């Protein structure tokens, strides 16, 4: 009986070792497969990491705070860069430049984009207009410099502006006017210090398209020669003392009618209109305003 128990015990021990050995053989391939799978995954990951994405086009943004040499600037030599400072101070909108009440104070005419058509530089501290200020801006049609302290305009300042139609110089300190471009249709120089000796005799006579002339609140002693094209002329609040039959009409032609002239202002002058009855017979209406 003891022998049987011993043999049974030995068989159990052998069976246990055999089962353990079999299980170990089954596990090893699985581990090797898992290890191989890890290596494949790692290799696959390495392959994925090595794939490079296509490079995107990088657009460099200029740093305006860092000084850049003109020769190294990507836009060096282009006219647009020269216009940039003005358009930072002013407002530039498709041919129109607005420089009104600029801070810090604007004392000179700014450099303008070459395609500028309309310039509004009102209520600044501009003191002078030089002959080169508008020399390269042939597209200008309107200039408004109202409310500055301009006391001098060099001859030739507007001579190259073949397209200029409207010029406003009101509320400045001008004592004389320069030569004006031939296509001018409107000139406003109200509220200045203009004297008759500061205006050439034929400065307006040659302007065949001039329709609106405003010279009120100045120091004129006489009325300059006026073109036939005028519709409106304001000469109020000056020092005009004389008036002739030739000022507006043609004294030797009683049939002459000045059809274009629609409005004349002479009030505020030391002038008695009743003493010049023949000076207005060619006009379609008498001068407006309050007279003595």
Protein backbone atom coordinates (compact mmCIF):
# COMPACT_ATOMS: atom_id res chain seq x y z
CA UNK A 1 0.00 0.00 0.00
CA UNK A 2 2.88 2.32 0.77
CA UNK A 3 4.48 1.46 -2.50
CA UNK A 4 1.31 2.37 -4.36
CA UNK A 5 1.12 5.70 -2.63
CA UNK A 6 4.73 6.45 -3.44
CA UNK A 7 4.25 5.63 -7.13
CA UNK A 8 1.08 7.77 -7.23
CA UNK A 9 2.91 10.68 -5.65
CA UNK A 10 5.79 10.37 -8.12
CA UNK A 11 3.34 10.36 -11.06
CA UNK A 12 1.66 13.51 -9.77
CA UNK A 13 4.98 15.29 -9.46
CA UNK A 14 6.05 14.27 -12.96
CA UNK A 15 2.68 15.32 -14.42
CA UNK A 16 3.02 18.72 -12.72
CA UNK A 17 6.49 19.33 -14.19
CA UNK A 18 5.36 18.26 -17.64
CA UNK A 19 2.40 20.63 -17.55
CA UNK A 20 4.59 23.50 -16.45
CA UNK A 21 7.09 22.78 -19.24
CA UNK A 22 4.30 22.69 -21.79
CA UNK A 23 2.91 25.99 -20.61
CA UNK A 24 6.33 27.58 -20.82
CA UNK A 25 6.71 26.44 -24.42
CA UNK A 26 3.34 27.97 -25.27
CA UNK A 27 4.23 31.31 -23.69
CA UNK A 28 7.59 31.83 -25.38
CA UNK A 29 6.28 32.08 -28.96
CA UNK A 30 3.63 34.53 -27.79
CA UNK A 31 6.28 36.65 -26.12
CA UNK A 32 8.45 36.46 -29.18
CA UNK A 33 5.51 37.44 -31.38
CA UNK A 34 4.70 40.34 -29.04
CA UNK A 35 8.33 41.43 -29.09
CA UNK A 36 8.38 41.18 -32.87
CA UNK A 37 5.15 43.15 -32.99
CA UNK A 38 6.69 45.84 -30.83
CA UNK A 39 9.68 46.01 -33.13
CA UNK A 40 7.38 46.29 -36.15
CA UNK A 41 5.36 48.98 -34.46
CA UNK A 42 8.51 50.86 -33.53
CA UNK A 43 9.80 50.54 -37.06
CA UNK A 44 6.46 51.73 -38.41
CA UNK A 45 6.53 54.67 -36.01
CA UNK A 46 10.03 55.54 -37.10
CA UNK A 47 8.92 55.46 -40.71
CA UNK A 48 5.99 57.77 -39.89
CA UNK A 49 8.21 60.21 -38.03
CA UNK A 50 10.63 60.42 -40.91
CA UNK A 51 7.95 61.48 -43.38
CA UNK A 52 8.30 65.27 -43.88
CA UNK A 53 5.37 67.52 -44.49
CA UNK A 54 5.64 69.87 -47.47
CA UNK A 55 6.92 73.26 -46.46
CA UNK A 56 4.46 76.11 -46.56
CA UNK A 57 5.40 79.36 -48.25
CA UNK A 58 6.42 81.76 -45.54
CA UNK A 59 5.57 85.44 -46.09
CA UNK A 60 7.90 87.69 -44.21
CA UNK A 61 6.23 90.60 -42.43
CA UNK A 62 8.45 93.70 -42.27
CA UNK A 63 9.25 95.05 -38.82
CA UNK A 64 8.54 98.77 -39.09
CA UNK A 65 10.03 99.40 -35.66
CA UNK A 66 13.45 98.11 -36.71
CA UNK A 67 15.46 100.39 -39.02
CA UNK A 68 16.17 98.77 -42.38
CA UNK A 69 18.71 99.96 -44.89
CA UNK A 70 17.18 101.17 -48.11
CA UNK A 71 19.38 98.81 -50.12
CA UNK A 72 18.19 95.78 -48.11
CA UNK A 73 14.52 96.69 -48.03
CA UNK A 74 12.42 94.38 -50.27
CA UNK A 75 10.52 97.39 -51.60
CA UNK A 76 13.55 99.64 -51.98
CA UNK A 77 13.23 102.07 -54.84
CA UNK A 78 9.44 101.84 -55.05
CA UNK A 79 7.45 105.03 -54.96
CA UNK A 80 4.91 103.51 -52.54
CA UNK A 81 7.45 103.50 -49.71
CA UNK A 82 8.10 107.19 -50.10
CA UNK A 83 4.36 107.78 -49.70
CA UNK A 84 4.04 105.74 -46.53
CA UNK A 85 4.95 108.42 -43.95
CA UNK A 86 2.29 110.81 -45.26
CA UNK A 87 -0.38 108.13 -45.24
CA UNK A 88 0.50 107.27 -41.65
CA UNK A 89 -0.17 110.88 -40.61
CA UNK A 90 -3.07 111.46 -42.97
CA UNK A 91 -5.88 109.37 -44.44
CA UNK A 92 -5.29 108.17 -48.00
CA UNK A 93 -8.30 106.84 -49.88
CA UNK A 94 -7.96 106.03 -53.58
CA UNK A 95 -6.65 109.35 -54.83
CA UNK A 96 -7.85 111.47 -51.90
CA UNK A 97 -5.54 112.58 -49.08
CA UNK A 98 -7.04 114.03 -45.88
CA UNK A 99 -4.57 115.85 -43.62
CA UNK A 100 -6.84 117.89 -41.39
CA UNK A 101 -5.73 119.12 -37.96
CA UNK A 102 -2.74 116.78 -37.99
CA UNK A 103 -0.95 116.15 -34.71
CA UNK A 104 1.96 116.81 -34.34
CA UNK A 105 1.51 120.10 -36.18
CA UNK A 106 2.00 120.02 -39.95
CA UNK A 107 4.04 123.05 -41.07
CA UNK A 108 4.75 122.11 -44.69
CA UNK A 109 2.88 120.48 -47.54
CA UNK A 110 3.38 116.71 -47.07
CA UNK A 111 4.90 114.45 -49.70
CA UNK A 112 1.91 113.10 -51.60
CA UNK A 113 1.30 109.83 -53.45
CA UNK A 114 1.75 110.46 -57.17
CA UNK A 115 -1.83 109.44 -57.95
CA UNK A 116 -3.32 112.06 -55.58
CA UNK A 117 -6.36 113.76 -57.09
CA UNK A 118 -7.83 115.56 -54.08
CA UNK A 119 -5.85 117.08 -51.21
CA UNK A 120 -7.52 118.37 -48.05
CA UNK A 121 -4.90 119.85 -45.69
CA UNK A 122 -7.14 122.18 -43.70
CA UNK A 123 -6.53 123.71 -40.29
CA UNK A 124 -2.84 122.99 -39.90
CA UNK A 125 0.22 125.25 -39.47
CA UNK A 126 1.50 125.30 -43.04
CA UNK A 127 3.40 128.57 -43.56
CA UNK A 128 4.58 128.41 -47.17
CA UNK A 129 3.96 126.65 -50.46
CA UNK A 130 7.14 126.02 -52.41
CA UNK A 131 7.54 125.64 -56.16
CA UNK A 132 8.33 121.91 -55.76
CA UNK A 133 5.57 120.95 -53.34
CA UNK A 134 3.19 119.89 -56.13
CA UNK A 135 5.69 119.55 -58.97
CA UNK A 136 5.28 115.78 -59.39
CA UNK A 137 1.53 115.53 -58.76
CA UNK A 138 0.07 116.19 -62.20
CA UNK A 139 -3.20 114.42 -61.31
CA UNK A 140 -4.37 117.00 -58.75
CA UNK A 141 -7.84 118.38 -59.39
CA UNK A 142 -8.63 119.94 -56.02
CA UNK A 143 -6.47 121.51 -53.30
CA UNK A 144 -7.98 122.79 -50.06
CA UNK A 145 -5.59 124.57 -47.66
CA UNK A 146 -8.18 126.44 -45.61
CA UNK A 147 -7.22 127.59 -42.13
CA UNK A 148 -3.43 127.50 -42.28
CA UNK A 149 -0.97 130.38 -41.79
CA UNK A 150 0.33 130.54 -45.36
CA UNK A 151 1.95 133.90 -46.07
CA UNK A 152 3.86 133.02 -49.24
CA UNK A 153 3.27 130.97 -52.36
CA UNK A 154 6.23 130.77 -54.72
CA UNK A 155 5.61 131.50 -58.40
CA UNK A 156 5.29 128.24 -60.28
CA UNK A 157 3.84 126.36 -57.32
CA UNK A 158 0.72 125.52 -59.35
CA UNK A 159 2.08 126.00 -62.87
CA UNK A 160 2.46 122.28 -63.62
CA UNK A 161 -0.99 121.32 -62.36
CA UNK A 162 -2.73 121.10 -65.71
CA UNK A 163 -5.73 119.28 -64.22
CA UNK A 164 -6.29 121.56 -61.21
CA UNK A 165 -9.88 122.85 -61.14
CA UNK A 166 -10.51 123.95 -57.55
CA UNK A 167 -8.09 125.85 -55.32
CA UNK A 168 -9.07 126.95 -51.81
CA UNK A 169 -6.70 129.22 -49.86
CA UNK A 170 -9.21 130.79 -47.50
CA UNK A 171 -8.29 131.91 -43.98
CA UNK A 172 -4.57 132.33 -44.49
CA UNK A 173 -2.15 135.28 -44.50
CA UNK A 174 -1.51 135.81 -48.19
CA UNK A 175 -0.59 139.28 -49.44
CA UNK A 176 -0.30 138.24 -53.09
CA UNK A 177 -1.31 135.46 -55.45
CA UNK A 178 0.92 133.39 -57.73
CA UNK A 179 0.19 132.51 -61.34
CA UNK A 180 -2.77 130.14 -61.59
CA UNK A 181 -3.33 127.11 -63.84
CA UNK A 182 -5.46 127.63 -66.94
CA UNK A 183 -8.14 125.01 -66.16
CA UNK A 184 -9.05 126.51 -62.81
CA UNK A 185 -12.82 126.80 -62.35
CA UNK A 186 -12.96 127.90 -58.69
CA UNK A 187 -10.66 130.03 -56.53
CA UNK A 188 -11.45 130.80 -52.91
CA UNK A 189 -9.06 133.25 -51.22
CA UNK A 190 -11.46 134.76 -48.70
CA UNK A 191 -10.07 136.04 -45.39
CA UNK A 192 -6.50 136.83 -46.36
CA UNK A 193 -4.40 140.02 -46.56
CA UNK A 194 -4.50 140.44 -50.33
CA UNK A 195 -3.85 143.86 -51.80
CA UNK A 196 -4.38 144.99 -55.36
CA UNK A 197 -0.64 145.35 -55.96
CA UNK A 198 -0.24 141.70 -54.98
CA UNK A 199 -2.46 140.53 -57.85
CA UNK A 200 -1.21 140.81 -61.42
CA UNK A 201 -3.54 142.77 -63.68
CA UNK A 202 -4.42 139.89 -66.02
CA UNK A 203 -4.12 136.99 -63.56
CA UNK A 204 -7.85 136.21 -63.83
CA UNK A 205 -8.51 137.55 -67.31
CA UNK A 206 -6.63 134.65 -68.89
CA UNK A 207 -8.57 132.00 -66.97
CA UNK A 208 -11.27 131.20 -69.50
CA UNK A 209 -12.85 128.49 -67.36
CA UNK A 210 -12.96 130.34 -64.06
CA UNK A 211 -16.58 130.36 -62.83
CA UNK A 212 -16.32 131.07 -59.09
CA UNK A 213 -14.05 133.73 -57.59
CA UNK A 214 -14.10 134.49 -53.87
CA UNK A 215 -11.91 137.39 -52.69
CA UNK A 216 -13.98 138.67 -49.78
CA UNK A 217 -12.49 139.94 -46.51
CA UNK A 218 -9.20 141.13 -47.93
CA UNK A 219 -7.54 144.51 -48.46
CA UNK A 220 -8.15 145.09 -52.17
CA UNK A 221 -8.36 148.73 -53.30
CA UNK A 222 -9.67 148.01 -56.81
CA UNK A 223 -11.44 145.26 -58.73
CA UNK A 224 -9.12 143.15 -60.91
CA UNK A 225 -9.97 142.32 -64.52
CA UNK A 226 -12.55 139.57 -64.59
CA UNK A 227 -12.99 136.84 -67.24
CA UNK A 228 -16.21 136.43 -69.20
CA UNK A 229 -16.65 132.93 -67.81
CA UNK A 230 -17.39 134.09 -64.24
CA UNK A 231 -20.70 133.09 -62.67
CA UNK A 232 -20.06 134.29 -59.12
CA UNK A 233 -17.67 136.91 -57.78
CA UNK A 234 -17.43 137.93 -54.11
CA UNK A 235 -15.47 141.08 -53.30
CA UNK A 236 -17.18 142.08 -50.04
CA UNK A 237 -15.38 143.62 -47.06
CA UNK A 238 -12.41 145.07 -48.92
CA UNK A 239 -11.18 148.65 -49.42
CA UNK A 240 -12.55 149.11 -52.94
CA UNK A 241 -13.33 152.76 -53.64
CA UNK A 242 -13.53 152.92 -57.44
CA UNK A 243 -15.76 151.34 -60.05
CA UNK A 244 -15.99 152.01 -63.79
CA UNK A 245 -18.36 151.16 -66.61
CA UNK A 246 -15.78 148.66 -67.85
CA UNK A 247 -15.48 146.72 -64.60
CA UNK A 248 -18.36 144.38 -65.41
CA UNK A 249 -19.77 145.76 -68.65
CA UNK A 250 -18.62 147.35 -71.89
CA UNK A 251 -19.31 151.06 -71.61
CA UNK A 252 -19.32 151.61 -75.37
CA UNK A 253 -21.71 148.71 -76.07
CA UNK A 254 -25.17 149.24 -74.61
CA UNK A 255 -26.44 145.98 -76.14
CA UNK A 256 -23.88 143.84 -74.36
CA UNK A 257 -25.36 141.44 -71.78
CA UNK A 258 -23.16 139.46 -69.41
CA UNK A 259 -25.24 136.27 -69.33
CA UNK A 260 -22.83 134.15 -67.32
CA UNK A 261 -22.62 136.50 -64.33
CA UNK A 262 -25.24 135.42 -61.80
CA UNK A 263 -24.01 136.86 -58.50
CA UNK A 264 -21.87 139.84 -57.46
CA UNK A 265 -21.06 140.92 -53.90
CA UNK A 266 -19.52 144.32 -53.20
CA UNK A 267 -20.98 145.08 -49.78
CA UNK A 268 -18.68 146.19 -47.00
CA UNK A 269 -16.58 148.44 -49.26
CA UNK A 270 -16.29 152.27 -49.07
CA UNK A 271 -18.24 152.41 -52.31
CA UNK A 272 -21.58 154.09 -53.11
CA UNK A 273 -23.22 152.05 -55.86
CA UNK A 274 -25.75 154.80 -56.67
CA UNK A 275 -22.88 156.87 -58.07
CA UNK A 276 -22.19 154.20 -60.75
CA UNK A 277 -25.56 153.48 -62.42
CA UNK A 278 -24.00 152.41 -65.73
CA UNK A 279 -21.62 149.91 -64.15
CA UNK A 280 -24.27 147.20 -63.86
CA UNK A 281 -26.56 147.69 -66.87
CA UNK A 282 -25.17 144.59 -68.56
CA UNK A 283 -25.83 142.33 -65.56
CA UNK A 284 -28.94 140.21 -65.19
CA UNK A 285 -29.20 141.14 -61.49
CA UNK A 286 -27.83 143.88 -59.25
CA UNK A 287 -25.10 143.16 -56.66
CA UNK A 288 -26.38 141.44 -53.54
CA UNK A 289 -25.68 142.49 -49.94
CA UNK A 290 -26.34 145.46 -47.70
CA UNK A 291 -25.26 148.86 -49.08
CA UNK A 292 -25.47 152.43 -47.91
